[in-house]
Amino acid sequence: MIYSINGDVCISCGACAAECPVEAVMQGDSFYFIEENLCTGCGKCSEVCPVECISPKK
């Protein structure tokens, strides 16, 4: 399962990037995003997000 970040809610705190074991979370211009081809679906980014903007991609 691949995760994605809702850019409308992301506060660019970087907690998700620091937690990602495969460095799939990248900093964009306005918010962080997840590089889908690197994401392993572990969900660690989602667990640490203070605004709960990370969820499994449908």
PDB file of N, CA and C in Angstrom:
ATOM      1  N   MET A   1       0.841  -1.172   0.000  1.00  0.00           N
ATOM      2  CA  MET A   1       0.000   0.000   0.000  1.00  0.00           C
ATOM      3  C   MET A   1       0.887   1.236   0.000  1.00  0.00           C
ATOM      4  N   ILE A   2       0.602   2.151  -0.859  1.00  0.00           N
ATOM      5  CA  ILE A   2       1.370   3.381  -0.978  1.00  0.00           C
ATOM      6  C   ILE A   2       0.633   4.500  -0.248  1.00  0.00           C
ATOM      7  N   TYR A   3       1.371   5.373   0.402  1.00  0.00           N
ATOM      8  CA  TYR A   3       0.789   6.489   1.136  1.00  0.00           C
ATOM      9  C   TYR A   3       0.913   7.782   0.335  1.00  0.00           C
ATOM     10  N   SER A   4       0.044   8.743   0.648  1.00  0.00           N
ATOM     11  CA  SER A   4       0.108  10.062   0.011  1.00  0.00           C
ATOM     12  C   SER A   4      -0.168  11.137   1.055  1.00  0.00           C
ATOM     13  N   ILE A   5       0.283  12.350   0.746  1.00  0.00           N
ATOM     14  CA  ILE A   5       0.144  13.483   1.648  1.00  0.00           C
ATOM     15  C   ILE A   5      -0.860  14.462   1.064  1.00  0.00           C
ATOM     16  N   ASN A   6      -1.795  14.884   1.886  1.00  0.00           N
ATOM     17  CA  ASN A   6      -2.769  15.893   1.476  1.00  0.00           C
ATOM     18  C   ASN A   6      -2.093  17.256   1.636  1.00  0.00           C
ATOM     19  N   GLY A   7      -1.712  17.861   0.516  1.00  0.00           N
ATOM     20  CA  GLY A   7      -1.002  19.130   0.530  1.00  0.00           C
ATOM     21  C   GLY A   7      -1.800  20.285   1.082  1.00  0.00           C
ATOM     22  N   ASP A   8      -3.122  20.179   1.079  1.00  0.00           N
ATOM     23  CA  ASP A   8      -3.962  21.241   1.628  1.00  0.00           C
ATOM     24  C   ASP A   8      -3.899  21.286   3.151  1.00  0.00           C
ATOM     25  N   VAL A   9      -3.476  20.180   3.757  1.00  0.00           N
ATOM     26  CA  VAL A   9      -3.444  20.082   5.216  1.00  0.00           C
ATOM     27  C   VAL A   9      -2.011  20.102   5.757  1.00  0.00           C
ATOM     28  N   CYS A  10      -1.050  19.670   4.966  1.00  0.00           N
ATOM     29  CA  CYS A  10       0.357  19.572   5.383  1.00  0.00           C
ATOM     30  C   CYS A  10       0.884  20.921   5.869  1.00  0.00           C
ATOM     31  N   ILE A  11       1.564  20.915   7.030  1.00  0.00           N
ATOM     32  CA  ILE A  11       2.142  22.138   7.590  1.00  0.00           C
ATOM     33  C   ILE A  11       3.662  22.190   7.382  1.00  0.00           C
ATOM     34  N   SER A  12       4.190  21.285   6.589  1.00  0.00           N
ATOM     35  CA  SER A  12       5.629  21.240   6.248  1.00  0.00           C
ATOM     36  C   SER A  12       6.535  21.182   7.467  1.00  0.00           C
ATOM     37  N   CYS A  13       6.164  20.374   8.443  1.00  0.00           N
ATOM     38  CA  CYS A  13       6.974  20.264   9.658  1.00  0.00           C
ATOM     39  C   CYS A  13       8.180  19.342   9.470  1.00  0.00           C
ATOM     40  N   GLY A  14       8.087  18.396   8.528  1.00  0.00           N
ATOM     41  CA  GLY A  14       9.194  17.491   8.258  1.00  0.00           C
ATOM     42  C   GLY A  14       9.242  16.241   9.112  1.00  0.00           C
ATOM     43  N   ALA A  15       8.286  16.067  10.010  1.00  0.00           N
ATOM     44  CA  ALA A  15       8.281  14.881  10.873  1.00  0.00           C
ATOM     45  C   ALA A  15       8.221  13.601  10.053  1.00  0.00           C
ATOM     46  N   CYS A  16       7.447  13.616   8.996  1.00  0.00           N
ATOM     47  CA  CYS A  16       7.288  12.434   8.147  1.00  0.00           C
ATOM     48  C   CYS A  16       8.597  12.071   7.444  1.00  0.00           C
ATOM     49  N   ALA A  17       9.281  13.078   6.942  1.00  0.00           N
ATOM     50  CA  ALA A  17      10.539  12.833   6.226  1.00  0.00           C
ATOM     51  C   ALA A  17      11.589  12.246   7.158  1.00  0.00           C
ATOM     52  N   ALA A  18      11.630  12.740   8.374  1.00  0.00           N
ATOM     53  CA  ALA A  18      12.602  12.248   9.350  1.00  0.00           C
ATOM     54  C   ALA A  18      12.339  10.793   9.728  1.00  0.00           C
ATOM     55  N   GLU A  19      11.091  10.363   9.667  1.00  0.00           N
ATOM     56  CA  GLU A  19      10.708   9.014  10.087  1.00  0.00           C
ATOM     57  C   GLU A  19      10.802   7.980   8.972  1.00  0.00           C
ATOM     58  N   CYS A  20      10.779   8.396   7.716  1.00  0.00           N
ATOM     59  CA  CYS A  20      10.744   7.457   6.584  1.00  0.00           C
ATOM     60  C   CYS A  20      12.062   6.679   6.458  1.00  0.00           C
ATOM     61  N   PRO A  21      11.994   5.350   6.580  1.00  0.00           N
ATOM     62  CA  PRO A  21      13.219   4.542   6.521  1.00  0.00           C
ATOM     63  C   PRO A  21      13.820   4.405   5.124  1.00  0.00           C
ATOM     64  N   VAL A  22      13.056   4.731   4.090  1.00  0.00           N
ATOM     65  CA  VAL A  22      13.565   4.594   2.717  1.00  0.00           C
ATOM     66  C   VAL A  22      13.689   5.940   2.005  1.00  0.00           C
ATOM     67  N   GLU A  23      13.543   7.035   2.755  1.00  0.00           N
ATOM     68  CA  GLU A  23      13.675   8.398   2.237  1.00  0.00           C
ATOM     69  C   GLU A  23      12.755   8.666   1.050  1.00  0.00           C
ATOM     70  N   ALA A  24      11.503   8.189   1.167  1.00  0.00           N
ATOM     71  CA  ALA A  24      10.517   8.395   0.108  1.00  0.00           C
ATOM     72  C   ALA A  24       9.781   9.715   0.249  1.00  0.00           C
ATOM     73  N   VAL A  25       9.891  10.353   1.402  1.00  0.00           N
ATOM     74  CA  VAL A  25       9.204  11.626   1.638  1.00  0.00           C
ATOM     75  C   VAL A  25      10.142  12.757   1.244  1.00  0.00           C
ATOM     76  N   MET A  26       9.658  13.605   0.346  1.00  0.00           N
ATOM     77  CA  MET A  26      10.467  14.696  -0.202  1.00  0.00           C
ATOM     78  C   MET A  26       9.824  16.046   0.112  1.00  0.00           C
ATOM     79  N   GLN A  27      10.666  17.060   0.245  1.00  0.00           N
ATOM     80  CA  GLN A  27      10.148  18.406   0.483  1.00  0.00           C
ATOM     81  C   GLN A  27       9.865  19.073  -0.849  1.00  0.00           C
ATOM     82  N   GLY A  28       8.621  19.525  -1.009  1.00  0.00           N
ATOM     83  CA  GLY A  28       8.230  20.244  -2.208  1.00  0.00           C
ATOM     84  C   GLY A  28       8.263  21.741  -1.962  1.00  0.00           C
ATOM     85  N   ASP A  29       7.758  22.516  -2.902  1.00  0.00           N
ATOM     86  CA  ASP A  29       7.736  23.971  -2.760  1.00  0.00           C
ATOM     87  C   ASP A  29       6.832  24.430  -1.619  1.00  0.00           C
ATOM     88  N   SER A  30       5.652  23.830  -1.508  1.00  0.00           N
ATOM     89  CA  SER A  30       4.676  24.271  -0.509  1.00  0.00           C
ATOM     90  C   SER A  30       4.416  23.244   0.587  1.00  0.00           C
ATOM     91  N   PHE A  31       4.688  21.977   0.301  1.00  0.00           N
ATOM     92  CA  PHE A  31       4.422  20.906   1.259  1.00  0.00           C
ATOM     93  C   PHE A  31       5.255  19.692   0.901  1.00  0.00           C
ATOM     94  N   TYR A  32       5.287  18.722   1.801  1.00  0.00           N
ATOM     95  CA  TYR A  32       6.011  17.473   1.547  1.00  0.00           C
ATOM     96  C   TYR A  32       5.176  16.567   0.653  1.00  0.00           C
ATOM     97  N   PHE A  33       5.829  15.665  -0.044  1.00  0.00           N
ATOM     98  CA  PHE A  33       5.141  14.687  -0.870  1.00  0.00           C
ATOM     99  C   PHE A  33       5.882  13.361  -0.780  1.00  0.00           C
ATOM    100  N   ILE A  34       5.199  12.297  -1.167  1.00  0.00           N
ATOM    101  CA  ILE A  34       5.788  10.957  -1.110  1.00  0.00           C
ATOM    102  C   ILE A  34       6.070  10.475  -2.521  1.00  0.00           C
ATOM    103  N   GLU A  35       7.313  10.105  -2.761  1.00  0.00           N
ATOM    104  CA  GLU A  35       7.722   9.558  -4.053  1.00  0.00           C
ATOM    105  C   GLU A  35       7.201   8.127  -4.117  1.00  0.00           C
ATOM    106  N   GLU A  36       6.186   7.914  -4.943  1.00  0.00           N
ATOM    107  CA  GLU A  36       5.477   6.631  -4.977  1.00  0.00           C
ATOM    108  C   GLU A  36       6.364   5.442  -5.313  1.00  0.00           C
ATOM    109  N   ASN A  37       7.340   5.630  -6.179  1.00  0.00           N
ATOM    110  CA  ASN A  37       8.172   4.484  -6.560  1.00  0.00           C
ATOM    111  C   ASN A  37       9.162   4.091  -5.464  1.00  0.00           C
ATOM    112  N   LEU A  38       9.282   4.905  -4.410  1.00  0.00           N
ATOM    113  CA  LEU A  38      10.158   4.570  -3.293  1.00  0.00           C
ATOM    114  C   LEU A  38       9.391   4.088  -2.060  1.00  0.00           C
ATOM    115  N   CYS A  39       8.124   4.488  -1.951  1.00  0.00           N
ATOM    116  CA  CYS A  39       7.318   4.150  -0.777  1.00  0.00           C
ATOM    117  C   CYS A  39       7.111   2.641  -0.661  1.00  0.00           C
ATOM    118  N   THR A  40       7.377   2.116   0.537  1.00  0.00           N
ATOM    119  CA  THR A  40       7.197   0.684   0.786  1.00  0.00           C
ATOM    120  C   THR A  40       5.900   0.388   1.534  1.00  0.00           C
ATOM    121  N   GLY A  41       5.172   1.447   1.916  1.00  0.00           N
ATOM    122  CA  GLY A  41       3.889   1.261   2.582  1.00  0.00           C
ATOM    123  C   GLY A  41       3.969   0.925   4.051  1.00  0.00           C
ATOM    124  N   CYS A  42       5.063   1.263   4.699  1.00  0.00           N
ATOM    125  CA  CYS A  42       5.215   0.914   6.114  1.00  0.00           C
ATOM    126  C   CYS A  42       4.304   1.737   7.025  1.00  0.00           C
ATOM    127  N   GLY A  43       3.942   2.958   6.612  1.00  0.00           N
ATOM    128  CA  GLY A  43       3.040   3.796   7.386  1.00  0.00           C
ATOM    129  C   GLY A  43       3.675   4.589   8.506  1.00  0.00           C
ATOM    130  N   LYS A  44       4.995   4.529   8.644  1.00  0.00           N
ATOM    131  CA  LYS A  44       5.650   5.258   9.729  1.00  0.00           C
ATOM    132  C   LYS A  44       5.449   6.762   9.600  1.00  0.00           C
ATOM    133  N   CYS A  45       5.390   7.268   8.380  1.00  0.00           N
ATOM    134  CA  CYS A  45       5.167   8.697   8.159  1.00  0.00           C
ATOM    135  C   CYS A  45       3.805   9.111   8.700  1.00  0.00           C
ATOM    136  N   SER A  46       2.816   8.297   8.444  1.00  0.00           N
ATOM    137  CA  SER A  46       1.455   8.580   8.885  1.00  0.00           C
ATOM    138  C   SER A  46       1.341   8.581  10.404  1.00  0.00           C
ATOM    139  N   GLU A  47       2.080   7.707  11.052  1.00  0.00           N
ATOM    140  CA  GLU A  47       2.031   7.584  12.510  1.00  0.00           C
ATOM    141  C   GLU A  47       2.540   8.833  13.218  1.00  0.00           C
ATOM    142  N   VAL A  48       3.481   9.558  12.621  1.00  0.00           N
ATOM    143  CA  VAL A  48       4.077  10.711  13.296  1.00  0.00           C
ATOM    144  C   VAL A  48       3.512  12.054  12.837  1.00  0.00           C
ATOM    145  N   CYS A  49       2.653  12.063  11.861  1.00  0.00           N
ATOM    146  CA  CYS A  49       2.116  13.319  11.326  1.00  0.00           C
ATOM    147  C   CYS A  49       1.219  14.005  12.361  1.00  0.00           C
ATOM    148  N   PRO A  50       1.566  15.236  12.781  1.00  0.00           N
ATOM    149  CA  PRO A  50       0.768  15.913  13.808  1.00  0.00           C
ATOM    150  C   PRO A  50      -0.590  16.422  13.313  1.00  0.00           C
ATOM    151  N   VAL A  51      -0.765  16.553  12.000  1.00  0.00           N
ATOM    152  CA  VAL A  51      -2.033  17.045  11.470  1.00  0.00           C
ATOM    153  C   VAL A  51      -2.801  15.978  10.705  1.00  0.00           C
ATOM    154  N   GLU A  52      -2.313  14.745  10.762  1.00  0.00           N
ATOM    155  CA  GLU A  52      -2.966  13.587  10.155  1.00  0.00           C
ATOM    156  C   GLU A  52      -3.306  13.796   8.674  1.00  0.00           C
ATOM    157  N   CYS A  53      -2.338  14.296   7.912  1.00  0.00           N
ATOM    158  CA  CYS A  53      -2.577  14.545   6.486  1.00  0.00           C
ATOM    159  C   CYS A  53      -2.049  13.424   5.588  1.00  0.00           C
ATOM    160  N   ILE A  54      -1.536  12.350   6.179  1.00  0.00           N
ATOM    161  CA  ILE A  54      -0.974  11.238   5.400  1.00  0.00           C
ATOM    162  C   ILE A  54      -1.873  10.025   5.540  1.00  0.00           C
ATOM    163  N   SER A  55      -2.239   9.462   4.392  1.00  0.00           N
ATOM    164  CA  SER A  55      -3.117   8.294   4.403  1.00  0.00           C
ATOM    165  C   SER A  55      -2.779   7.380   3.231  1.00  0.00           C
ATOM    166  N   PRO A  56      -3.264   6.136   3.301  1.00  0.00           N
ATOM    167  CA  PRO A  56      -3.034   5.219   2.183  1.00  0.00           C
ATOM    168  C   PRO A  56      -3.689   5.780   0.916  1.00  0.00           C
ATOM    169  N   LYS A  57      -2.976   5.657  -0.178  1.00  0.00           N
ATOM    170  CA  LYS A  57      -3.506   6.136  -1.453  1.00  0.00           C
ATOM    171  C   LYS A  57      -4.521   5.137  -1.979  1.00  0.00           C
ATOM    172  N   LYS A  58      -5.628   5.654  -2.466  1.00  0.00           N
ATOM    173  CA  LYS A  58      -6.705   4.794  -2.968  1.00  0.00           C
ATOM    174  C   LYS A  58      -6.507   4.464  -4.413  1.00  0.00           C
TER     175      LYS A  58
END
